[in-house]
Amino acid sequence: MRKPALVMVPLLAACATHTPEPEPTPAFRDAIYQFSEQLPGTDRMVAGTVRLLGNMAIIDAQPGPCRNLPARNERSSAYQCDDVLLVADMTTPTLKVTYQTTKTVRETKSTCVRYETNASGLRVCLESKSEYVERQVPISGTLRLRADSH
């Protein structure tokens, strides 16, 4: 009975130390995709093309010009097109291109300009003024790509 247990221990140890092979990344064929999106909550558009060449993507877009940024990994390409960051992710079975930018939000800010202490000893606002303030809000999403027929 003891011999089979001894044989099983090295076998179990071998199984426990085995690391699975990484999944192969999908290969994309050379292709051109087009996109045209209105950025949510703005009147701005981002439009252009993504050209796949081997394991890299070349993005040309408006607003532009676009400049290539250092890649996050060997299966992605990033471009700064004016104030819009476009990232092509080729680590999944289908090409995914995301965008990140900001939009300006105008809000009303109310400030008290005159206070008074009431009979209960509480400080209350008697007069206030309103002003508009602008702040930048991040927006992001995924572009809808269409295969170019040319």
N, C-alpha and C. Protein backbone atom coordinates (compact mmCIF):
# COMPACT_ATOMS: atom_id res chain seq x y z
N MET A 1 0.81 -1.20 0.00
CA MET A 1 0.00 0.00 0.00
C MET A 1 0.85 1.26 0.00
N ARG A 2 1.98 1.22 0.65
CA ARG A 2 2.82 2.41 0.74
C ARG A 2 3.48 2.75 -0.59
N LYS A 3 3.82 1.78 -1.44
CA LYS A 3 4.49 2.08 -2.70
C LYS A 3 3.62 2.93 -3.62
N PRO A 4 2.37 2.64 -3.83
CA PRO A 4 1.58 3.50 -4.70
C PRO A 4 1.50 4.94 -4.17
N ALA A 5 1.49 5.11 -2.85
CA ALA A 5 1.44 6.46 -2.31
C ALA A 5 2.72 7.22 -2.64
N LEU A 6 3.85 6.57 -2.62
CA LEU A 6 5.12 7.21 -2.95
C LEU A 6 5.18 7.59 -4.42
N VAL A 7 4.62 6.77 -5.26
CA VAL A 7 4.60 7.07 -6.69
C VAL A 7 3.68 8.26 -6.97
N MET A 8 2.58 8.36 -6.25
CA MET A 8 1.62 9.42 -6.46
C MET A 8 2.14 10.79 -6.02
N VAL A 9 2.98 10.86 -4.98
CA VAL A 9 3.46 12.13 -4.47
C VAL A 9 4.25 12.90 -5.54
N PRO A 10 5.26 12.29 -6.20
CA PRO A 10 5.97 13.05 -7.25
C PRO A 10 5.05 13.43 -8.41
N LEU A 11 4.10 12.58 -8.73
CA LEU A 11 3.17 12.87 -9.81
C LEU A 11 2.31 14.09 -9.47
N LEU A 12 1.81 14.15 -8.24
CA LEU A 12 1.01 15.29 -7.81
C LEU A 12 1.86 16.56 -7.76
N ALA A 13 3.10 16.43 -7.32
CA ALA A 13 3.99 17.60 -7.27
C ALA A 13 4.25 18.13 -8.68
N ALA A 14 4.41 17.25 -9.64
CA ALA A 14 4.63 17.67 -11.02
C ALA A 14 3.42 18.40 -11.57
N CYS A 15 2.22 17.94 -11.23
CA CYS A 15 1.00 18.60 -11.69
C CYS A 15 0.85 19.98 -11.05
N ALA A 16 1.23 20.10 -9.80
CA ALA A 16 1.06 21.36 -9.09
C ALA A 16 2.00 22.43 -9.63
N THR A 17 3.16 22.07 -10.16
CA THR A 17 4.11 23.07 -10.63
C THR A 17 3.96 23.38 -12.11
N HIS A 18 3.11 22.70 -12.82
CA HIS A 18 2.92 22.95 -14.25
C HIS A 18 2.21 24.28 -14.46
N THR A 19 2.81 25.16 -15.25
CA THR A 19 2.15 26.42 -15.59
C THR A 19 1.55 26.30 -16.98
N PRO A 20 0.30 26.71 -17.12
CA PRO A 20 -0.35 26.57 -18.42
C PRO A 20 0.30 27.50 -19.44
N GLU A 21 0.27 27.08 -20.69
CA GLU A 21 0.79 27.91 -21.79
C GLU A 21 -0.13 29.10 -21.97
N PRO A 22 0.44 30.30 -22.24
CA PRO A 22 -0.43 31.46 -22.47
C PRO A 22 -1.24 31.27 -23.75
N GLU A 23 -2.44 31.82 -23.71
CA GLU A 23 -3.31 31.76 -24.89
C GLU A 23 -2.64 32.54 -26.02
N PRO A 24 -2.64 32.00 -27.23
CA PRO A 24 -2.05 32.77 -28.33
C PRO A 24 -2.92 33.99 -28.64
N THR A 25 -2.27 35.10 -28.94
CA THR A 25 -3.04 36.29 -29.29
C THR A 25 -3.52 36.15 -30.72
N PRO A 26 -4.71 36.64 -31.00
CA PRO A 26 -5.26 36.47 -32.35
C PRO A 26 -4.43 37.24 -33.37
N ALA A 27 -4.34 36.68 -34.54
CA ALA A 27 -3.64 37.36 -35.64
C ALA A 27 -4.67 38.12 -36.46
N PHE A 28 -4.42 39.37 -36.73
CA PHE A 28 -5.32 40.18 -37.54
C PHE A 28 -4.75 40.27 -38.95
N ARG A 29 -5.61 40.16 -39.90
CA ARG A 29 -5.14 40.32 -41.27
C ARG A 29 -5.07 41.81 -41.57
N ASP A 30 -4.23 42.16 -42.53
CA ASP A 30 -4.12 43.56 -42.91
C ASP A 30 -5.48 44.05 -43.41
N ALA A 31 -5.94 45.15 -42.84
CA ALA A 31 -7.27 45.67 -43.19
C ALA A 31 -7.34 47.14 -42.83
N ILE A 32 -8.35 47.81 -43.35
CA ILE A 32 -8.61 49.21 -43.03
C ILE A 32 -10.04 49.31 -42.49
N TYR A 33 -10.18 50.02 -41.37
CA TYR A 33 -11.49 50.25 -40.77
C TYR A 33 -11.72 51.75 -40.69
N GLN A 34 -12.98 52.15 -40.82
CA GLN A 34 -13.36 53.56 -40.70
C GLN A 34 -14.19 53.74 -39.45
N PHE A 35 -14.16 54.97 -38.91
CA PHE A 35 -15.01 55.30 -37.77
C PHE A 35 -15.41 56.76 -37.86
N SER A 36 -16.57 57.06 -37.32
CA SER A 36 -17.07 58.43 -37.23
C SER A 36 -18.05 58.45 -36.06
N GLU A 37 -17.67 59.15 -35.00
CA GLU A 37 -18.48 59.16 -33.78
C GLU A 37 -18.64 60.58 -33.26
N GLN A 38 -19.84 60.88 -32.80
CA GLN A 38 -20.04 62.11 -32.06
C GLN A 38 -19.72 61.80 -30.61
N LEU A 39 -18.87 62.61 -30.00
CA LEU A 39 -18.49 62.38 -28.61
C LEU A 39 -19.66 62.72 -27.71
N PRO A 40 -20.02 61.84 -26.78
CA PRO A 40 -21.23 62.03 -25.97
C PRO A 40 -21.21 63.32 -25.16
N GLY A 41 -22.34 64.00 -25.19
CA GLY A 41 -22.49 65.23 -24.43
C GLY A 41 -21.78 66.43 -25.04
N THR A 42 -21.32 66.30 -26.30
CA THR A 42 -20.62 67.41 -26.96
C THR A 42 -21.15 67.54 -28.38
N ASP A 43 -20.70 68.59 -29.07
CA ASP A 43 -21.01 68.73 -30.49
C ASP A 43 -19.79 68.35 -31.32
N ARG A 44 -18.82 67.68 -30.72
CA ARG A 44 -17.57 67.32 -31.38
C ARG A 44 -17.66 65.92 -32.00
N MET A 45 -16.97 65.78 -33.13
CA MET A 45 -16.87 64.49 -33.83
C MET A 45 -15.43 64.02 -33.81
N VAL A 46 -15.25 62.71 -33.83
CA VAL A 46 -13.95 62.11 -34.08
C VAL A 46 -14.17 61.12 -35.22
N ALA A 47 -13.37 61.25 -36.27
CA ALA A 47 -13.56 60.43 -37.47
C ALA A 47 -12.20 60.12 -38.07
N GLY A 48 -12.11 58.96 -38.72
CA GLY A 48 -10.85 58.61 -39.37
C GLY A 48 -10.78 57.15 -39.74
N THR A 49 -9.53 56.66 -39.83
CA THR A 49 -9.30 55.27 -40.22
C THR A 49 -8.31 54.60 -39.27
N VAL A 50 -8.44 53.29 -39.19
CA VAL A 50 -7.48 52.44 -38.48
C VAL A 50 -6.98 51.44 -39.52
N ARG A 51 -5.68 51.46 -39.76
CA ARG A 51 -5.08 50.53 -40.73
C ARG A 51 -4.29 49.49 -39.94
N LEU A 52 -4.67 48.22 -40.11
CA LEU A 52 -3.95 47.12 -39.46
C LEU A 52 -2.87 46.62 -40.39
N LEU A 53 -1.65 46.57 -39.88
CA LEU A 53 -0.51 46.05 -40.62
C LEU A 53 0.23 45.09 -39.69
N GLY A 54 0.04 43.81 -39.92
CA GLY A 54 0.68 42.82 -39.03
C GLY A 54 0.14 42.97 -37.62
N ASN A 55 1.06 43.20 -36.67
CA ASN A 55 0.61 43.32 -35.27
C ASN A 55 0.56 44.78 -34.81
N MET A 56 0.43 45.72 -35.74
CA MET A 56 0.31 47.12 -35.34
C MET A 56 -0.87 47.78 -36.03
N ALA A 57 -1.35 48.85 -35.41
CA ALA A 57 -2.46 49.63 -35.96
C ALA A 57 -1.97 51.06 -36.18
N ILE A 58 -2.31 51.63 -37.31
CA ILE A 58 -1.97 53.01 -37.63
C ILE A 58 -3.28 53.78 -37.68
N ILE A 59 -3.38 54.81 -36.84
CA ILE A 59 -4.62 55.58 -36.74
C ILE A 59 -4.41 56.97 -37.34
N ASP A 60 -5.33 57.36 -38.21
CA ASP A 60 -5.35 58.70 -38.78
C ASP A 60 -6.75 59.25 -38.50
N ALA A 61 -6.82 60.38 -37.79
CA ALA A 61 -8.14 60.85 -37.38
C ALA A 61 -8.21 62.37 -37.36
N GLN A 62 -9.44 62.85 -37.38
CA GLN A 62 -9.75 64.25 -37.14
C GLN A 62 -10.56 64.29 -35.86
N PRO A 63 -10.29 65.12 -34.87
CA PRO A 63 -9.31 66.17 -34.98
C PRO A 63 -7.89 65.61 -35.00
N GLY A 64 -7.01 66.33 -35.63
CA GLY A 64 -5.63 65.91 -35.76
C GLY A 64 -4.72 67.10 -35.60
N PRO A 65 -3.48 66.93 -35.86
CA PRO A 65 -2.83 65.72 -36.35
C PRO A 65 -2.69 64.68 -35.23
N CYS A 66 -2.46 63.44 -35.64
CA CYS A 66 -2.29 62.35 -34.68
C CYS A 66 -0.80 62.01 -34.56
N ARG A 67 -0.36 61.77 -33.32
CA ARG A 67 1.01 61.34 -33.12
C ARG A 67 1.01 60.04 -32.34
N ASN A 68 1.89 59.15 -32.75
CA ASN A 68 2.00 57.83 -32.14
C ASN A 68 2.63 57.97 -30.76
N LEU A 69 2.05 57.27 -29.77
CA LEU A 69 2.58 57.27 -28.41
C LEU A 69 3.21 55.91 -28.13
N PRO A 70 4.05 55.80 -27.11
CA PRO A 70 4.62 54.49 -26.76
C PRO A 70 3.50 53.50 -26.47
N ALA A 71 3.66 52.28 -26.98
CA ALA A 71 2.63 51.24 -26.82
C ALA A 71 2.62 50.70 -25.40
N ARG A 72 1.43 50.35 -24.93
CA ARG A 72 1.28 49.72 -23.62
C ARG A 72 1.82 48.30 -23.64
N ASN A 73 1.65 47.64 -24.77
CA ASN A 73 2.18 46.29 -24.97
C ASN A 73 2.33 46.07 -26.47
N GLU A 74 2.84 44.92 -26.85
CA GLU A 74 3.11 44.68 -28.27
C GLU A 74 1.85 44.49 -29.11
N ARG A 75 0.71 44.34 -28.49
CA ARG A 75 -0.55 44.13 -29.22
C ARG A 75 -1.49 45.33 -29.08
N SER A 76 -0.93 46.53 -28.86
CA SER A 76 -1.77 47.73 -28.83
C SER A 76 -1.01 48.89 -29.46
N SER A 77 -1.76 49.86 -29.93
CA SER A 77 -1.20 51.09 -30.50
C SER A 77 -1.99 52.26 -29.93
N ALA A 78 -1.27 53.32 -29.54
CA ALA A 78 -1.93 54.50 -28.97
C ALA A 78 -1.54 55.73 -29.78
N TYR A 79 -2.53 56.59 -30.01
CA TYR A 79 -2.31 57.83 -30.76
C TYR A 79 -2.98 58.98 -30.03
N GLN A 80 -2.29 60.11 -29.97
CA GLN A 80 -2.87 61.35 -29.45
C GLN A 80 -3.28 62.19 -30.66
N CYS A 81 -4.57 62.39 -30.84
CA CYS A 81 -5.10 63.15 -31.96
C CYS A 81 -5.75 64.41 -31.37
N ASP A 82 -5.00 65.52 -31.44
CA ASP A 82 -5.40 66.76 -30.79
C ASP A 82 -5.58 66.45 -29.30
N ASP A 83 -6.79 66.63 -28.74
CA ASP A 83 -6.98 66.33 -27.32
C ASP A 83 -7.70 65.00 -27.09
N VAL A 84 -7.72 64.14 -28.11
CA VAL A 84 -8.38 62.83 -28.01
C VAL A 84 -7.31 61.73 -28.05
N LEU A 85 -7.33 60.86 -27.04
CA LEU A 85 -6.44 59.71 -27.02
C LEU A 85 -7.20 58.52 -27.62
N LEU A 86 -6.61 57.90 -28.66
CA LEU A 86 -7.20 56.72 -29.29
C LEU A 86 -6.26 55.54 -29.06
N VAL A 87 -6.81 54.41 -28.58
CA VAL A 87 -6.02 53.22 -28.31
C VAL A 87 -6.64 52.04 -29.04
N ALA A 88 -5.82 51.40 -29.90
CA ALA A 88 -6.25 50.19 -30.61
C ALA A 88 -5.75 48.98 -29.82
N ASP A 89 -6.67 48.13 -29.41
CA ASP A 89 -6.36 46.94 -28.61
C ASP A 89 -6.53 45.71 -29.50
N MET A 90 -5.44 45.00 -29.73
CA MET A 90 -5.48 43.81 -30.57
C MET A 90 -5.21 42.55 -29.77
N THR A 91 -5.54 42.57 -28.47
CA THR A 91 -5.35 41.40 -27.62
C THR A 91 -6.59 40.53 -27.56
N THR A 92 -7.66 40.97 -28.17
CA THR A 92 -8.91 40.22 -28.16
C THR A 92 -9.20 39.71 -29.57
N PRO A 93 -10.14 38.78 -29.72
CA PRO A 93 -10.43 38.25 -31.07
C PRO A 93 -10.89 39.29 -32.07
N THR A 94 -11.49 40.38 -31.61
CA THR A 94 -11.90 41.45 -32.52
C THR A 94 -11.19 42.74 -32.13
N LEU A 95 -10.83 43.52 -33.11
CA LEU A 95 -10.15 44.80 -32.88
C LEU A 95 -11.06 45.72 -32.08
N LYS A 96 -10.51 46.36 -31.07
CA LYS A 96 -11.26 47.30 -30.23
C LYS A 96 -10.47 48.60 -30.17
N VAL A 97 -11.12 49.72 -30.52
CA VAL A 97 -10.49 51.03 -30.46
C VAL A 97 -11.29 51.89 -29.49
N THR A 98 -10.61 52.40 -28.46
CA THR A 98 -11.28 53.23 -27.46
C THR A 98 -10.79 54.67 -27.56
N TYR A 99 -11.59 55.60 -27.04
CA TYR A 99 -11.20 57.00 -27.00
C TYR A 99 -11.31 57.52 -25.58
N GLN A 100 -10.49 58.52 -25.28
CA GLN A 100 -10.54 59.24 -24.01
C GLN A 100 -10.29 60.71 -24.29
N THR A 101 -11.10 61.57 -23.72
CA THR A 101 -10.92 63.02 -23.85
C THR A 101 -11.67 63.67 -22.71
N THR A 102 -11.84 64.97 -22.77
CA THR A 102 -12.62 65.68 -21.76
C THR A 102 -13.62 66.60 -22.46
N LYS A 103 -14.65 66.95 -21.71
CA LYS A 103 -15.59 67.95 -22.20
C LYS A 103 -15.73 69.01 -21.12
N THR A 104 -16.07 70.21 -21.55
CA THR A 104 -16.24 71.33 -20.63
C THR A 104 -17.69 71.37 -20.18
N VAL A 105 -17.88 71.39 -18.86
CA VAL A 105 -19.22 71.49 -18.29
C VAL A 105 -19.33 72.84 -17.61
N ARG A 106 -20.39 73.55 -17.92
CA ARG A 106 -20.64 74.86 -17.31
C ARG A 106 -21.72 74.71 -16.26
N GLU A 107 -21.38 75.11 -15.04
CA GLU A 107 -22.30 74.96 -13.93
C GLU A 107 -22.51 76.30 -13.23
N THR A 108 -23.61 76.41 -12.51
CA THR A 108 -23.89 77.61 -11.73
C THR A 108 -23.41 77.38 -10.31
N LYS A 109 -22.66 78.35 -9.81
CA LYS A 109 -22.17 78.29 -8.44
C LYS A 109 -22.78 79.47 -7.68
N SER A 110 -23.40 79.17 -6.56
CA SER A 110 -24.03 80.20 -5.75
C SER A 110 -23.16 80.46 -4.52
N THR A 111 -22.89 81.76 -4.26
CA THR A 111 -22.05 82.16 -3.13
C THR A 111 -22.79 83.19 -2.31
N CYS A 112 -22.79 83.01 -1.01
CA CYS A 112 -23.43 83.99 -0.12
C CYS A 112 -22.51 85.20 0.01
N VAL A 113 -23.10 86.38 -0.14
CA VAL A 113 -22.31 87.62 -0.04
C VAL A 113 -22.67 88.45 1.20
N ARG A 114 -23.79 88.12 1.86
CA ARG A 114 -24.17 88.85 3.06
C ARG A 114 -24.88 87.91 4.03
N TYR A 115 -24.36 87.87 5.24
CA TYR A 115 -24.91 87.00 6.30
C TYR A 115 -25.52 87.85 7.41
N GLU A 116 -26.37 87.19 8.20
CA GLU A 116 -26.92 87.80 9.41
C GLU A 116 -27.13 86.70 10.43
N THR A 117 -27.01 87.06 11.68
CA THR A 117 -27.28 86.11 12.75
C THR A 117 -28.72 86.33 13.20
N ASN A 118 -29.53 85.27 13.18
CA ASN A 118 -30.94 85.42 13.54
C ASN A 118 -31.12 85.36 15.06
N ALA A 119 -32.36 85.45 15.52
CA ALA A 119 -32.68 85.48 16.96
C ALA A 119 -32.24 84.19 17.67
N SER A 120 -32.17 83.09 16.94
CA SER A 120 -31.75 81.82 17.55
C SER A 120 -30.23 81.68 17.60
N GLY A 121 -29.52 82.65 17.05
CA GLY A 121 -28.06 82.60 17.06
C GLY A 121 -27.47 81.89 15.85
N LEU A 122 -28.32 81.53 14.88
CA LEU A 122 -27.85 80.86 13.68
C LEU A 122 -27.46 81.89 12.62
N ARG A 123 -26.39 81.62 11.93
CA ARG A 123 -25.94 82.50 10.85
C ARG A 123 -26.68 82.11 9.57
N VAL A 124 -27.39 83.04 8.97
CA VAL A 124 -28.17 82.77 7.77
C VAL A 124 -27.73 83.70 6.65
N CYS A 125 -27.89 83.24 5.42
CA CYS A 125 -27.52 84.02 4.25
C CYS A 125 -28.68 84.93 3.87
N LEU A 126 -28.39 86.21 3.77
CA LEU A 126 -29.41 87.17 3.37
C LEU A 126 -29.37 87.47 1.88
N GLU A 127 -28.17 87.41 1.30
CA GLU A 127 -28.01 87.75 -0.11
C GLU A 127 -26.94 86.85 -0.72
N SER A 128 -27.23 86.34 -1.90
CA SER A 128 -26.25 85.50 -2.59
C SER A 128 -26.10 85.96 -4.03
N LYS A 129 -25.00 85.55 -4.62
CA LYS A 129 -24.79 85.85 -6.04
C LYS A 129 -24.48 84.53 -6.75
N SER A 130 -24.87 84.47 -8.00
CA SER A 130 -24.61 83.28 -8.81
C SER A 130 -23.62 83.62 -9.90
N GLU A 131 -22.76 82.67 -10.20
CA GLU A 131 -21.81 82.83 -11.28
C GLU A 131 -21.62 81.48 -11.98
N TYR A 132 -21.19 81.54 -13.22
CA TYR A 132 -20.93 80.32 -13.96
C TYR A 132 -19.47 79.92 -13.79
N VAL A 133 -19.26 78.64 -13.58
CA VAL A 133 -17.91 78.09 -13.52
C VAL A 133 -17.82 76.93 -14.51
N GLU A 134 -16.66 76.77 -15.10
CA GLU A 134 -16.45 75.68 -16.04
C GLU A 134 -15.46 74.69 -15.45
N ARG A 135 -15.72 73.41 -15.72
CA ARG A 135 -14.78 72.37 -15.29
C ARG A 135 -14.71 71.31 -16.38
N GLN A 136 -13.59 70.61 -16.41
CA GLN A 136 -13.36 69.55 -17.39
C GLN A 136 -13.83 68.21 -16.81
N VAL A 137 -14.60 67.48 -17.60
CA VAL A 137 -15.13 66.18 -17.20
C VAL A 137 -14.63 65.14 -18.19
N PRO A 138 -14.05 64.03 -17.71
CA PRO A 138 -13.56 63.00 -18.64
C PRO A 138 -14.71 62.27 -19.32
N ILE A 139 -14.52 61.96 -20.60
CA ILE A 139 -15.45 61.10 -21.33
C ILE A 139 -14.64 60.05 -22.07
N SER A 140 -15.20 58.86 -22.20
CA SER A 140 -14.50 57.78 -22.88
C SER A 140 -15.53 56.81 -23.44
N GLY A 141 -15.07 55.98 -24.36
CA GLY A 141 -15.96 55.00 -24.96
C GLY A 141 -15.22 54.16 -25.99
N THR A 142 -15.98 53.33 -26.66
CA THR A 142 -15.44 52.45 -27.69
C THR A 142 -15.99 52.88 -29.04
N LEU A 143 -15.10 53.01 -30.03
CA LEU A 143 -15.52 53.41 -31.37
C LEU A 143 -16.18 52.24 -32.10
N ARG A 144 -17.18 52.56 -32.92
CA ARG A 144 -17.80 51.55 -33.79
C ARG A 144 -17.04 51.56 -35.11
N LEU A 145 -16.41 50.45 -35.43
CA LEU A 145 -15.58 50.34 -36.62
C LEU A 145 -16.35 49.71 -37.77
N ARG A 146 -16.12 50.23 -38.99
CA ARG A 146 -16.70 49.65 -40.20
C ARG A 146 -15.57 49.28 -41.13
N ALA A 147 -15.62 48.07 -41.68
CA ALA A 147 -14.59 47.63 -42.62
C ALA A 147 -14.65 48.51 -43.86
N ASP A 148 -13.48 48.98 -44.31
CA ASP A 148 -13.40 49.79 -45.51
C ASP A 148 -13.47 48.85 -46.71
N SER A 149 -14.32 49.18 -47.67
CA SER A 149 -14.52 48.29 -48.82
C SER A 149 -13.48 48.51 -49.92
N HIS A 150 -12.61 49.47 -49.77
CA HIS A 150 -11.61 49.76 -50.82
C HIS A 150 -10.42 48.86 -50.70
